[in-house]
Amino acid sequence: MEKIQIIEDDELIAELERDYLEANGYETDLAFDGITGEQKAKTEKV
């Protein structure tokens, strides 16, 4: 399964994107700011 990282500061939008992607067979990872997103991208396979 493909894993997609969503970096979005608006929680509602991030949750909508996550719900859409997961409904279409993707695993998701959320980050609500660029610094956290960058750190996760360096330590996790996304």
Protein backbone atom coordinates (compact mmCIF):
# COMPACT_ATOMS: atom_id res chain seq x y z
CA MET A 1 0.00 0.00 0.00
CA GLU A 2 1.24 3.45 -0.88
CA LYS A 3 1.68 5.95 1.96
CA ILE A 4 1.08 9.65 1.34
CA GLN A 5 2.10 12.41 3.70
CA ILE A 6 -0.31 15.33 4.01
CA ILE A 7 1.18 18.59 5.26
CA GLU A 8 -1.64 21.04 5.92
CA ASP A 9 -2.04 23.59 8.70
CA ASP A 10 -5.84 23.55 8.52
CA GLU A 11 -6.96 20.42 10.41
CA LEU A 12 -10.37 20.23 8.70
CA ILE A 13 -8.84 20.30 5.23
CA ALA A 14 -6.19 17.74 6.26
CA GLU A 15 -8.86 15.40 7.61
CA LEU A 16 -10.94 15.74 4.42
CA GLU A 17 -7.86 14.95 2.29
CA ARG A 18 -7.02 12.00 4.55
CA ASP A 19 -10.57 10.61 4.35
CA TYR A 20 -10.59 10.88 0.55
CA LEU A 21 -7.19 9.23 0.13
CA GLU A 22 -7.91 6.43 2.59
CA ALA A 23 -11.25 5.74 0.88
CA ASN A 24 -9.25 5.25 -2.32
CA GLY A 25 -6.81 2.76 -0.82
CA TYR A 26 -3.94 4.93 0.39
CA GLU A 27 -2.35 4.99 3.82
CA THR A 28 -1.83 8.54 5.07
CA ASP A 29 0.30 10.42 7.53
CA LEU A 30 -0.67 13.90 8.73
CA ALA A 31 1.57 16.79 9.66
CA PHE A 32 0.18 20.20 10.52
CA ASP A 33 3.33 22.24 9.83
CA GLY A 34 6.30 22.06 7.49
CA ILE A 35 8.91 21.35 10.14
CA THR A 36 7.05 18.31 11.46
CA GLY A 37 6.34 17.16 7.91
CA GLU A 38 10.01 17.40 6.99
CA GLN A 39 11.08 15.47 10.10
CA LYS A 40 8.55 12.70 9.39
CA ALA A 41 9.65 12.53 5.75
CA LYS A 42 13.23 11.99 6.84
CA THR A 43 12.38 9.21 9.30
CA GLU A 44 9.41 7.45 7.69
CA LYS A 45 8.81 6.00 4.25
CA VAL A 46 6.21 8.20 2.58
